[in-house]
Amino acid sequence: MKPWTLKKGETILRKQLHKEFGGGGQGGISPSRQSPNILIFSDRHAGEQHGYLDRWDGDVYLYIGEGQSGDQEMKKGNKAILQHVEDGRSIRLFHGCRGEVEYAGEFEIDHLEPWTTERAVSRSGGMRNVIVFR
């Protein structure tokens, strides 16, 4: 298994990132099968139309879970984020979602309040509940 080598602020092509560290080439949450990492991608401009309003709240990064239609559920990538500590995995945040992405660093969900929910626009235009990781 290749050790993590990227430094905060470095850029890499997403395709190359997945080649080196695993995970899928699509979606915002990409758990790797070949390394103990969960790669997450945040691009407010691209995600805003689907209700993905990732943002800073003081020193806490708020990251919207996966699922574009209907209420989001704690399964798949969302569950991987929630259980990352007990599974021995690191959360690696990247800014951007296609092409060249920038490594923002290693994150860990808040131990006291790991997630909340909020209302957001659905892909179909209605409102839905989304998971907001802290």
C-alpha atoms as a PDB file:
ATOM      1  CA  MET A   1       0.000   0.000   0.000  1.00  0.00           C
ATOM      2  CA  LYS A   2       1.355   3.392  -1.028  1.00  0.00           C
ATOM      3  CA  PRO A   3       1.837   5.879   1.837  1.00  0.00           C
ATOM      4  CA  TRP A   4       0.029   9.236   1.608  1.00  0.00           C
ATOM      5  CA  THR A   5       2.368  11.729  -0.074  1.00  0.00           C
ATOM      6  CA  LEU A   6       0.272  14.754  -1.007  1.00  0.00           C
ATOM      7  CA  LYS A   7       0.768  17.939   0.969  1.00  0.00           C
ATOM      8  CA  LYS A   8      -1.930  20.513   1.710  1.00  0.00           C
ATOM      9  CA  GLY A   9      -2.254  22.898  -1.247  1.00  0.00           C
ATOM     10  CA  GLU A  10      -0.802  20.486  -3.832  1.00  0.00           C
ATOM     11  CA  THR A  11      -2.795  19.782  -6.959  1.00  0.00           C
ATOM     12  CA  ILE A  12      -3.214  16.512  -8.830  1.00  0.00           C
ATOM     13  CA  LEU A  13      -5.351  15.266 -11.682  1.00  0.00           C
ATOM     14  CA  ARG A  14      -8.276  13.384 -10.201  1.00  0.00           C
ATOM     15  CA  LYS A  15      -7.621  10.471 -12.555  1.00  0.00           C
ATOM     16  CA  GLN A  16      -4.028  10.227 -11.263  1.00  0.00           C
ATOM     17  CA  LEU A  17      -5.201  10.528  -7.650  1.00  0.00           C
ATOM     18  CA  HIS A  18      -7.472   7.504  -8.045  1.00  0.00           C
ATOM     19  CA  LYS A  19      -4.768   5.577  -9.866  1.00  0.00           C
ATOM     20  CA  GLU A  20      -2.380   6.104  -6.934  1.00  0.00           C
ATOM     21  CA  PHE A  21      -4.731   5.901  -3.948  1.00  0.00           C
ATOM     22  CA  GLY A  22      -7.916   4.190  -5.187  1.00  0.00           C
ATOM     23  CA  GLY A  23     -11.525   5.254  -5.022  1.00  0.00           C
ATOM     24  CA  GLY A  24     -13.950   5.880  -7.865  1.00  0.00           C
ATOM     25  CA  GLY A  25     -13.591   8.592 -10.471  1.00  0.00           C
ATOM     26  CA  GLN A  26     -17.095   9.966  -9.997  1.00  0.00           C
ATOM     27  CA  GLY A  27     -19.094  11.358  -7.105  1.00  0.00           C
ATOM     28  CA  GLY A  28     -18.190  13.496  -4.145  1.00  0.00           C
ATOM     29  CA  ILE A  29     -17.424  10.692  -1.679  1.00  0.00           C
ATOM     30  CA  SER A  30     -14.943   8.093  -2.832  1.00  0.00           C
ATOM     31  CA  PRO A  31     -13.936   5.399  -0.308  1.00  0.00           C
ATOM     32  CA  SER A  32     -10.813   3.584  -1.465  1.00  0.00           C
ATOM     33  CA  ARG A  33     -10.476  -0.190  -1.499  1.00  0.00           C
ATOM     34  CA  GLN A  34      -6.711  -0.034  -2.023  1.00  0.00           C
ATOM     35  CA  SER A  35      -5.765   2.443   0.733  1.00  0.00           C
ATOM     36  CA  PRO A  36      -7.214   3.440   4.139  1.00  0.00           C
ATOM     37  CA  ASN A  37      -8.614   6.701   2.748  1.00  0.00           C
ATOM     38  CA  ILE A  38     -11.964   8.235   1.975  1.00  0.00           C
ATOM     39  CA  LEU A  39     -11.460  10.861  -0.718  1.00  0.00           C
ATOM     40  CA  ILE A  40     -14.074  13.609  -0.657  1.00  0.00           C
ATOM     41  CA  PHE A  41     -14.472  16.341  -3.248  1.00  0.00           C
ATOM     42  CA  SER A  42     -15.985  19.758  -2.690  1.00  0.00           C
ATOM     43  CA  ASP A  43     -16.815  22.171  -5.491  1.00  0.00           C
ATOM     44  CA  ARG A  44     -19.397  24.691  -4.357  1.00  0.00           C
ATOM     45  CA  HIS A  45     -19.888  26.082  -7.863  1.00  0.00           C
ATOM     46  CA  ALA A  46     -20.632  22.654  -9.376  1.00  0.00           C
ATOM     47  CA  GLY A  47     -22.584  21.367  -6.366  1.00  0.00           C
ATOM     48  CA  GLU A  48     -24.782  24.369  -5.640  1.00  0.00           C
ATOM     49  CA  GLN A  49     -27.389  23.391  -8.262  1.00  0.00           C
ATOM     50  CA  HIS A  50     -27.939  20.090  -6.410  1.00  0.00           C
ATOM     51  CA  GLY A  51     -28.068  21.569  -2.916  1.00  0.00           C
ATOM     52  CA  TYR A  52     -24.439  20.774  -2.036  1.00  0.00           C
ATOM     53  CA  LEU A  53     -23.485  23.889  -0.077  1.00  0.00           C
ATOM     54  CA  ASP A  54     -20.192  22.823   1.500  1.00  0.00           C
ATOM     55  CA  ARG A  55     -18.748  25.640   3.589  1.00  0.00           C
ATOM     56  CA  TRP A  56     -16.729  26.742   6.589  1.00  0.00           C
ATOM     57  CA  ASP A  57     -18.522  27.617   9.831  1.00  0.00           C
ATOM     58  CA  GLY A  58     -15.743  29.109  11.934  1.00  0.00           C
ATOM     59  CA  ASP A  59     -13.087  26.394  12.154  1.00  0.00           C
ATOM     60  CA  VAL A  60     -15.535  23.587  11.257  1.00  0.00           C
ATOM     61  CA  TYR A  61     -15.953  22.464   7.653  1.00  0.00           C
ATOM     62  CA  LEU A  62     -19.540  21.522   6.787  1.00  0.00           C
ATOM     63  CA  TYR A  63     -19.663  18.871   4.073  1.00  0.00           C
ATOM     64  CA  ILE A  64     -22.937  17.788   2.464  1.00  0.00           C
ATOM     65  CA  GLY A  65     -23.389  14.019   2.136  1.00  0.00           C
ATOM     66  CA  GLU A  66     -24.131  12.082  -1.033  1.00  0.00           C
ATOM     67  CA  GLY A  67     -27.459  11.515  -2.762  1.00  0.00           C
ATOM     68  CA  GLN A  68     -28.936  13.921  -5.318  1.00  0.00           C
ATOM     69  CA  SER A  69     -32.636  13.154  -5.042  1.00  0.00           C
ATOM     70  CA  GLY A  70     -34.880  12.503  -2.083  1.00  0.00           C
ATOM     71  CA  ASP A  71     -33.747  12.643   1.519  1.00  0.00           C
ATOM     72  CA  GLN A  72     -30.147  11.556   2.022  1.00  0.00           C
ATOM     73  CA  GLU A  73     -29.589   8.407   4.074  1.00  0.00           C
ATOM     74  CA  MET A  74     -26.713   7.185   6.215  1.00  0.00           C
ATOM     75  CA  LYS A  75     -25.497   4.513   3.784  1.00  0.00           C
ATOM     76  CA  LYS A  76     -22.681   3.969   1.274  1.00  0.00           C
ATOM     77  CA  GLY A  77     -20.284   6.949   1.241  1.00  0.00           C
ATOM     78  CA  ASN A  78     -22.171   8.755   4.011  1.00  0.00           C
ATOM     79  CA  LYS A  79     -21.818   5.736   6.287  1.00  0.00           C
ATOM     80  CA  ALA A  80     -18.118   5.462   5.366  1.00  0.00           C
ATOM     81  CA  ILE A  81     -17.555   9.056   6.539  1.00  0.00           C
ATOM     82  CA  LEU A  82     -19.511   8.519   9.765  1.00  0.00           C
ATOM     83  CA  GLN A  83     -17.545   5.362  10.616  1.00  0.00           C
ATOM     84  CA  HIS A  84     -14.121   6.470   9.375  1.00  0.00           C
ATOM     85  CA  VAL A  85     -12.448   6.562  12.812  1.00  0.00           C
ATOM     86  CA  GLU A  86     -13.573   3.081  13.882  1.00  0.00           C
ATOM     87  CA  ASP A  87     -12.702   1.745  10.417  1.00  0.00           C
ATOM     88  CA  GLY A  88      -9.181   3.231  10.624  1.00  0.00           C
ATOM     89  CA  ARG A  89      -9.633   5.439   7.553  1.00  0.00           C
ATOM     90  CA  SER A  90      -8.548   9.013   6.879  1.00  0.00           C
ATOM     91  CA  ILE A  91     -10.851  11.583   5.299  1.00  0.00           C
ATOM     92  CA  ARG A  92      -8.945  13.473   2.580  1.00  0.00           C
ATOM     93  CA  LEU A  93     -10.666  16.632   1.340  1.00  0.00           C
ATOM     94  CA  PHE A  94     -10.078  18.000  -2.156  1.00  0.00           C
ATOM     95  CA  HIS A  95     -11.340  21.234  -3.679  1.00  0.00           C
ATOM     96  CA  GLY A  96     -12.672  20.642  -7.166  1.00  0.00           C
ATOM     97  CA  CYS A  97     -14.398  17.614  -8.605  1.00  0.00           C
ATOM     98  CA  ARG A  98     -12.992  17.162 -12.121  1.00  0.00           C
ATOM     99  CA  GLY A  99      -9.645  17.495 -13.790  1.00  0.00           C
ATOM    100  CA  GLU A 100      -7.104  19.051 -11.456  1.00  0.00           C
ATOM    101  CA  VAL A 101      -8.097  18.996  -7.768  1.00  0.00           C
ATOM    102  CA  GLU A 102      -6.388  20.642  -4.794  1.00  0.00           C
ATOM    103  CA  TYR A 103      -5.656  18.731  -1.591  1.00  0.00           C
ATOM    104  CA  ALA A 104      -7.124  20.648   1.375  1.00  0.00           C
ATOM    105  CA  GLY A 105      -5.876  18.276   4.062  1.00  0.00           C
ATOM    106  CA  GLU A 106      -6.921  15.436   6.330  1.00  0.00           C
ATOM    107  CA  PHE A 107     -10.161  15.921   8.246  1.00  0.00           C
ATOM    108  CA  GLU A 108     -11.983  14.060  11.002  1.00  0.00           C
ATOM    109  CA  ILE A 109     -15.653  14.327  11.846  1.00  0.00           C
ATOM    110  CA  ASP A 110     -16.591  16.095  15.064  1.00  0.00           C
ATOM    111  CA  HIS A 111     -16.747  13.588  17.913  1.00  0.00           C
ATOM    112  CA  LEU A 112     -19.513  15.419  19.792  1.00  0.00           C
ATOM    113  CA  GLU A 113     -21.748  16.343  16.842  1.00  0.00           C
ATOM    114  CA  PRO A 114     -20.609  14.403  13.767  1.00  0.00           C
ATOM    115  CA  TRP A 115     -23.545  15.442  11.577  1.00  0.00           C
ATOM    116  CA  THR A 116     -26.796  17.359  11.383  1.00  0.00           C
ATOM    117  CA  THR A 117     -29.459  17.702   8.726  1.00  0.00           C
ATOM    118  CA  GLU A 118     -30.711  20.703   6.822  1.00  0.00           C
ATOM    119  CA  ARG A 119     -33.166  21.380   4.033  1.00  0.00           C
ATOM    120  CA  ALA A 120     -31.781  21.764   0.510  1.00  0.00           C
ATOM    121  CA  VAL A 121     -32.977  21.837  -3.073  1.00  0.00           C
ATOM    122  CA  SER A 122     -33.463  18.441  -4.719  1.00  0.00           C
ATOM    123  CA  ARG A 123     -32.377  17.581  -8.256  1.00  0.00           C
ATOM    124  CA  SER A 124     -36.074  17.710  -9.204  1.00  0.00           C
ATOM    125  CA  GLY A 125     -36.443  21.207  -7.755  1.00  0.00           C
ATOM    126  CA  GLY A 126     -38.303  20.282  -4.541  1.00  0.00           C
ATOM    127  CA  MET A 127     -36.909  20.389  -1.034  1.00  0.00           C
ATOM    128  CA  ARG A 128     -35.295  17.485   0.809  1.00  0.00           C
ATOM    129  CA  ASN A 129     -33.217  16.676   3.887  1.00  0.00           C
ATOM    130  CA  VAL A 130     -29.453  16.451   3.445  1.00  0.00           C
ATOM    131  CA  ILE A 131     -26.788  15.161   5.807  1.00  0.00           C
ATOM    132  CA  VAL A 132     -24.264  17.807   6.853  1.00  0.00           C
ATOM    133  CA  PHE A 133     -21.033  16.344   8.218  1.00  0.00           C
ATOM    134  CA  ARG A 134     -19.097  18.497  10.672  1.00  0.00           C
END
